[in-house]
C-alpha cells in the first residue's frame, strides 16, 4: 500500500521542480550552435495539458492559507534533527551551465530562501559508482535526496526501501517501480 505524501511536501517538491525547470529552460547567452541548446523531444505532456478524463484532484482548495517556511521545514525535516538538508546527485558537473547546474542552483536558492542548510552535492557520478555514491549521500543526514538523471537511478529500487524516511526525487523519466512492479 502506498502512503499519501503530505500536501506541504508535494508542494515543496513541485516548487523545486518548477525552479529547476525554469532555471534549465532560461535564456542562454552562449553560442547558438552549442550542443546544450538542442532539446530532447518531450515525452510527457505538461500538467496543464492533462486529459479531461482525469479524476478530480484531492488537493485542498485554493482558499487554503499559504504554507510558511516553518511548515515546509517541519514537513521536509525527515530525520527530525531540526534542520532541512537536501542531497543532490548528478552524473555530470554541478557547474555545467545546463541541467545539472540548474538543479543545484534551484535547490540552493530554495534552501537559502527558506533558511535551510546548504545542500550536499555529489557530482560527476559514473553509473558504475551510483549505488555507492547514492548510499553515501543518503547516510549524510539529508532529508531529501535528489537524483539528477536516470543514468544513475538503477540503485533506487534497492535504496528507497532501505532508506524509507528520506524523501526521494528523481528526474528519471519513467519513474520508480515498487515491490509489486507498479510504476509510481
C-alpha atoms as a PDB file:
ATOM      1  CA  UNK A   1       0.000   0.000   0.000  1.00  0.00           C
ATOM      2  CA  UNK A   2       1.308   3.424  -0.879  1.00  0.00           C
ATOM      3  CA  UNK A   3       1.411   6.241   1.665  1.00  0.00           C
ATOM      4  CA  UNK A   4      -0.040   9.514   0.520  1.00  0.00           C
ATOM      5  CA  UNK A   5       2.519  12.310   0.729  1.00  0.00           C
ATOM      6  CA  UNK A   6       1.506  15.296   2.865  1.00  0.00           C
ATOM      7  CA  UNK A   7       0.250  18.219   0.813  1.00  0.00           C
ATOM      8  CA  UNK A   8       3.061  20.513   2.006  1.00  0.00           C
ATOM      9  CA  UNK A   9       5.705  18.003   0.921  1.00  0.00           C
ATOM     10  CA  UNK A  10       4.105  17.673  -2.503  1.00  0.00           C
ATOM     11  CA  UNK A  11       4.003  21.460  -2.846  1.00  0.00           C
ATOM     12  CA  UNK A  12       7.639  21.821  -1.799  1.00  0.00           C
ATOM     13  CA  UNK A  13       8.755  19.267  -4.389  1.00  0.00           C
ATOM     14  CA  UNK A  14       6.580  20.948  -7.024  1.00  0.00           C
ATOM     15  CA  UNK A  15       8.264  24.282  -6.250  1.00  0.00           C
ATOM     16  CA  UNK A  16      11.702  22.674  -6.510  1.00  0.00           C
ATOM     17  CA  UNK A  17      10.821  21.016  -9.797  1.00  0.00           C
ATOM     18  CA  UNK A  18       9.485  24.310 -11.166  1.00  0.00           C
ATOM     19  CA  UNK A  19      12.615  26.182 -10.065  1.00  0.00           C
ATOM     20  CA  UNK A  20      14.799  23.565 -11.683  1.00  0.00           C
ATOM     21  CA  UNK A  21      12.809  23.591 -14.912  1.00  0.00           C
ATOM     22  CA  UNK A  22      12.753  27.383 -15.028  1.00  0.00           C
ATOM     23  CA  UNK A  23      16.495  27.577 -14.496  1.00  0.00           C
ATOM     24  CA  UNK A  24      17.187  24.838 -17.035  1.00  0.00           C
ATOM     25  CA  UNK A  25      14.986  26.493 -19.649  1.00  0.00           C
ATOM     26  CA  UNK A  26      16.299  30.009 -19.064  1.00  0.00           C
ATOM     27  CA  UNK A  27      17.979  32.036 -21.747  1.00  0.00           C
ATOM     28  CA  UNK A  28      21.422  31.053 -22.933  1.00  0.00           C
ATOM     29  CA  UNK A  29      23.787  33.810 -23.902  1.00  0.00           C
ATOM     30  CA  UNK A  30      26.262  31.298 -25.299  1.00  0.00           C
ATOM     31  CA  UNK A  31      26.960  30.187 -28.856  1.00  0.00           C
ATOM     32  CA  UNK A  32      23.814  29.412 -30.859  1.00  0.00           C
ATOM     33  CA  UNK A  33      25.465  26.240 -32.152  1.00  0.00           C
ATOM     34  CA  UNK A  34      26.186  24.961 -28.623  1.00  0.00           C
ATOM     35  CA  UNK A  35      25.059  21.340 -28.257  1.00  0.00           C
ATOM     36  CA  UNK A  36      23.373  22.150 -24.931  1.00  0.00           C
ATOM     37  CA  UNK A  37      20.824  24.264 -26.844  1.00  0.00           C
ATOM     38  CA  UNK A  38      19.390  21.182 -28.523  1.00  0.00           C
ATOM     39  CA  UNK A  39      16.420  19.962 -26.525  1.00  0.00           C
ATOM     40  CA  UNK A  40      15.349  16.333 -26.454  1.00  0.00           C
ATOM     41  CA  UNK A  41      11.779  15.709 -27.587  1.00  0.00           C
ATOM     42  CA  UNK A  42       9.242  15.860 -24.780  1.00  0.00           C
ATOM     43  CA  UNK A  43       7.934  12.510 -23.632  1.00  0.00           C
ATOM     44  CA  UNK A  44       5.270  13.704 -21.215  1.00  0.00           C
ATOM     45  CA  UNK A  45       2.541  16.280 -21.600  1.00  0.00           C
ATOM     46  CA  UNK A  46       2.815  19.217 -19.222  1.00  0.00           C
ATOM     47  CA  UNK A  47       0.473  19.088 -16.245  1.00  0.00           C
ATOM     48  CA  UNK A  48      -1.627  21.857 -17.800  1.00  0.00           C
ATOM     49  CA  UNK A  49      -2.428  19.527 -20.716  1.00  0.00           C
ATOM     50  CA  UNK A  50      -3.747  16.669 -18.578  1.00  0.00           C
ATOM     51  CA  UNK A  51      -6.591  14.710 -20.174  1.00  0.00           C
ATOM     52  CA  UNK A  52     -10.085  15.883 -19.320  1.00  0.00           C
ATOM     53  CA  UNK A  53     -10.953  12.392 -18.090  1.00  0.00           C
ATOM     54  CA  UNK A  54      -8.503  12.635 -15.212  1.00  0.00           C
ATOM     55  CA  UNK A  55     -10.063  12.183 -11.771  1.00  0.00           C
ATOM     56  CA  UNK A  56     -10.581  15.344  -9.739  1.00  0.00           C
ATOM     57  CA  UNK A  57      -7.671  16.344  -7.562  1.00  0.00           C
ATOM     58  CA  UNK A  58      -7.809  15.587  -3.864  1.00  0.00           C
ATOM     59  CA  UNK A  59      -5.720  18.688  -3.162  1.00  0.00           C
ATOM     60  CA  UNK A  60      -7.122  21.246  -0.758  1.00  0.00           C
ATOM     61  CA  UNK A  61      -8.996  24.181  -2.332  1.00  0.00           C
ATOM     62  CA  UNK A  62      -7.030  27.258  -3.356  1.00  0.00           C
ATOM     63  CA  UNK A  63      -8.556  29.198  -0.456  1.00  0.00           C
ATOM     64  CA  UNK A  64      -6.338  27.265   1.968  1.00  0.00           C
ATOM     65  CA  UNK A  65      -3.902  29.512   3.813  1.00  0.00           C
ATOM     66  CA  UNK A  66      -0.439  29.532   2.210  1.00  0.00           C
ATOM     67  CA  UNK A  67       2.198  27.458   3.907  1.00  0.00           C
ATOM     68  CA  UNK A  68       5.010  29.129   5.784  1.00  0.00           C
ATOM     69  CA  UNK A  69       8.660  28.162   5.636  1.00  0.00           C
ATOM     70  CA  UNK A  70       8.186  26.757   9.152  1.00  0.00           C
ATOM     71  CA  UNK A  71       5.566  24.365   7.737  1.00  0.00           C
ATOM     72  CA  UNK A  72       7.976  23.396   4.960  1.00  0.00           C
ATOM     73  CA  UNK A  73      10.754  22.781   7.462  1.00  0.00           C
ATOM     74  CA  UNK A  74       8.540  20.590   9.623  1.00  0.00           C
ATOM     75  CA  UNK A  75       7.366  18.628   6.606  1.00  0.00           C
ATOM     76  CA  UNK A  76      10.786  18.254   4.976  1.00  0.00           C
ATOM     77  CA  UNK A  77      12.756  17.528   8.158  1.00  0.00           C
ATOM     78  CA  UNK A  78      12.501  13.776   7.605  1.00  0.00           C
ATOM     79  CA  UNK A  79      15.068  12.757  10.236  1.00  0.00           C
ATOM     80  CA  UNK A  80      13.708  15.103  12.897  1.00  0.00           C
ATOM     81  CA  UNK A  81      17.023  16.810  13.679  1.00  0.00           C
ATOM     82  CA  UNK A  82      15.551  20.319  13.308  1.00  0.00           C
ATOM     83  CA  UNK A  83      17.444  21.045  10.102  1.00  0.00           C
ATOM     84  CA  UNK A  84      16.419  20.518   6.470  1.00  0.00           C
ATOM     85  CA  UNK A  85      19.249  19.287   4.251  1.00  0.00           C
ATOM     86  CA  UNK A  86      18.952  18.421   0.567  1.00  0.00           C
ATOM     87  CA  UNK A  87      21.310  15.949  -1.069  1.00  0.00           C
ATOM     88  CA  UNK A  88      21.881  16.255  -4.814  1.00  0.00           C
ATOM     89  CA  UNK A  89      23.470  13.583  -7.000  1.00  0.00           C
ATOM     90  CA  UNK A  90      24.328  14.225 -10.646  1.00  0.00           C
ATOM     91  CA  UNK A  91      26.190  12.229 -13.269  1.00  0.00           C
ATOM     92  CA  UNK A  92      27.718  15.412 -14.663  1.00  0.00           C
ATOM     93  CA  UNK A  93      29.400  18.525 -13.272  1.00  0.00           C
ATOM     94  CA  UNK A  94      27.401  20.764 -10.934  1.00  0.00           C
ATOM     95  CA  UNK A  95      28.549  23.809 -12.940  1.00  0.00           C
ATOM     96  CA  UNK A  96      27.818  22.512 -16.445  1.00  0.00           C
ATOM     97  CA  UNK A  97      25.816  25.619 -17.434  1.00  0.00           C
ATOM     98  CA  UNK A  98      22.838  23.370 -18.180  1.00  0.00           C
ATOM     99  CA  UNK A  99      20.514  20.943 -16.395  1.00  0.00           C
ATOM    100  CA  UNK A 100      22.774  19.772 -13.545  1.00  0.00           C
ATOM    101  CA  UNK A 101      23.701  23.325 -12.650  1.00  0.00           C
ATOM    102  CA  UNK A 102      20.031  24.320 -12.830  1.00  0.00           C
ATOM    103  CA  UNK A 103      19.164  21.566 -10.358  1.00  0.00           C
ATOM    104  CA  UNK A 104      21.957  22.564  -7.960  1.00  0.00           C
ATOM    105  CA  UNK A 105      21.218  26.295  -8.280  1.00  0.00           C
ATOM    106  CA  UNK A 106      17.456  25.785  -7.887  1.00  0.00           C
ATOM    107  CA  UNK A 107      17.802  23.661  -4.746  1.00  0.00           C
ATOM    108  CA  UNK A 108      20.442  26.016  -3.313  1.00  0.00           C
ATOM    109  CA  UNK A 109      18.174  29.031  -3.865  1.00  0.00           C
ATOM    110  CA  UNK A 110      15.188  27.191  -2.389  1.00  0.00           C
ATOM    111  CA  UNK A 111      17.278  26.247   0.659  1.00  0.00           C
ATOM    112  CA  UNK A 112      18.575  29.795   1.139  1.00  0.00           C
ATOM    113  CA  UNK A 113      15.111  31.321   0.715  1.00  0.00           C
ATOM    114  CA  UNK A 114      13.675  29.020   3.383  1.00  0.00           C
ATOM    115  CA  UNK A 115      16.560  29.179   5.855  1.00  0.00           C
ATOM    116  CA  UNK A 116      17.556  25.549   5.243  1.00  0.00           C
ATOM    117  CA  UNK A 117      21.105  24.203   5.353  1.00  0.00           C
ATOM    118  CA  UNK A 118      23.352  24.321   2.311  1.00  0.00           C
ATOM    119  CA  UNK A 119      22.718  21.282   0.067  1.00  0.00           C
ATOM    120  CA  UNK A 120      25.211  18.432  -0.058  1.00  0.00           C
ATOM    121  CA  UNK A 121      26.177  17.984  -3.712  1.00  0.00           C
ATOM    122  CA  UNK A 122      27.920  14.967  -5.201  1.00  0.00           C
ATOM    123  CA  UNK A 123      28.563  15.376  -8.924  1.00  0.00           C
ATOM    124  CA  UNK A 124      30.326  13.561 -11.757  1.00  0.00           C
ATOM    125  CA  UNK A 125      28.964  10.196 -10.573  1.00  0.00           C
ATOM    126  CA  UNK A 126      29.708   7.417 -13.066  1.00  0.00           C
ATOM    127  CA  UNK A 127      26.795   4.959 -13.440  1.00  0.00           C
ATOM    128  CA  UNK A 128      29.037   2.120 -12.166  1.00  0.00           C
ATOM    129  CA  UNK A 129      29.512   4.021  -8.871  1.00  0.00           C
ATOM    130  CA  UNK A 130      25.923   5.213  -8.491  1.00  0.00           C
ATOM    131  CA  UNK A 131      24.906   2.709  -5.790  1.00  0.00           C
ATOM    132  CA  UNK A 132      27.854   3.574  -3.569  1.00  0.00           C
ATOM    133  CA  UNK A 133      27.611   7.335  -4.109  1.00  0.00           C
ATOM    134  CA  UNK A 134      23.833   7.498  -3.587  1.00  0.00           C
ATOM    135  CA  UNK A 135      24.051   5.404  -0.420  1.00  0.00           C
ATOM    136  CA  UNK A 136      26.900   7.558   0.911  1.00  0.00           C
ATOM    137  CA  UNK A 137      24.776  10.635   0.264  1.00  0.00           C
ATOM    138  CA  UNK A 138      21.749   9.062   1.978  1.00  0.00           C
ATOM    139  CA  UNK A 139      23.893   8.445   5.089  1.00  0.00           C
ATOM    140  CA  UNK A 140      24.861  12.135   5.432  1.00  0.00           C
ATOM    141  CA  UNK A 141      21.699  13.084   7.359  1.00  0.00           C
ATOM    142  CA  UNK A 142      19.996  14.514   4.292  1.00  0.00           C
ATOM    143  CA  UNK A 143      16.215  14.784   4.386  1.00  0.00           C
ATOM    144  CA  UNK A 144      15.608  14.936   0.635  1.00  0.00           C
ATOM    145  CA  UNK A 145      17.773  13.175  -1.920  1.00  0.00           C
ATOM    146  CA  UNK A 146      17.516  14.463  -5.484  1.00  0.00           C
ATOM    147  CA  UNK A 147      18.896  12.296  -8.278  1.00  0.00           C
ATOM    148  CA  UNK A 148      19.678  14.418 -11.323  1.00  0.00           C
ATOM    149  CA  UNK A 149      19.310  11.864 -14.133  1.00  0.00           C
ATOM    150  CA  UNK A 150      18.125   8.382 -14.969  1.00  0.00           C
ATOM    151  CA  UNK A 151      21.604   7.184 -15.860  1.00  0.00           C
ATOM    152  CA  UNK A 152      22.436   6.944 -12.131  1.00  0.00           C
ATOM    153  CA  UNK A 153      18.986   5.765 -10.977  1.00  0.00           C
ATOM    154  CA  UNK A 154      19.405   1.971 -11.207  1.00  0.00           C
ATOM    155  CA  UNK A 155      20.186   1.601  -7.463  1.00  0.00           C
ATOM    156  CA  UNK A 156      16.957   3.359  -6.427  1.00  0.00           C
ATOM    157  CA  UNK A 157      14.934   0.128  -6.345  1.00  0.00           C
ATOM    158  CA  UNK A 158      17.239  -1.109  -3.557  1.00  0.00           C
ATOM    159  CA  UNK A 159      17.928   2.209  -1.809  1.00  0.00           C
ATOM    160  CA  UNK A 160      14.414   3.624  -1.458  1.00  0.00           C
ATOM    161  CA  UNK A 161      13.192   0.677   0.670  1.00  0.00           C
ATOM    162  CA  UNK A 162      16.468   0.766   2.643  1.00  0.00           C
ATOM    163  CA  UNK A 163      16.033   4.492   3.425  1.00  0.00           C
ATOM    164  CA  UNK A 164      12.240   4.888   3.546  1.00  0.00           C
ATOM    165  CA  UNK A 165      12.322   8.017   5.704  1.00  0.00           C
ATOM    166  CA  UNK A 166      14.119  10.050   3.048  1.00  0.00           C
ATOM    167  CA  UNK A 167      12.118  11.984   0.519  1.00  0.00           C
ATOM    168  CA  UNK A 168      13.457  10.828  -2.855  1.00  0.00           C
ATOM    169  CA  UNK A 169      13.189  12.796  -6.098  1.00  0.00           C
ATOM    170  CA  UNK A 170      14.494  11.521  -9.393  1.00  0.00           C
ATOM    171  CA  UNK A 171      14.341  13.122 -12.800  1.00  0.00           C
ATOM    172  CA  UNK A 172      14.434   9.626 -14.200  1.00  0.00           C
ATOM    173  CA  UNK A 173      11.792   9.737 -16.895  1.00  0.00           C
ATOM    174  CA  UNK A 174       9.732   6.611 -16.320  1.00  0.00           C
ATOM    175  CA  UNK A 175       9.574   6.683 -12.518  1.00  0.00           C
ATOM    176  CA  UNK A 176      10.225   4.086  -9.839  1.00  0.00           C
ATOM    177  CA  UNK A 177       8.711   0.610  -9.665  1.00  0.00           C
ATOM    178  CA  UNK A 178       7.599  -0.518  -6.238  1.00  0.00           C
ATOM    179  CA  UNK A 179       7.991  -4.093  -4.981  1.00  0.00           C
ATOM    180  CA  UNK A 180       4.869  -5.187  -6.903  1.00  0.00           C
ATOM    181  CA  UNK A 181       6.250  -3.835 -10.164  1.00  0.00           C
ATOM    182  CA  UNK A 182       3.787  -0.943 -10.225  1.00  0.00           C
ATOM    183  CA  UNK A 183       5.210   2.296 -11.606  1.00  0.00           C
ATOM    184  CA  UNK A 184       4.873   5.079  -9.062  1.00  0.00           C
END
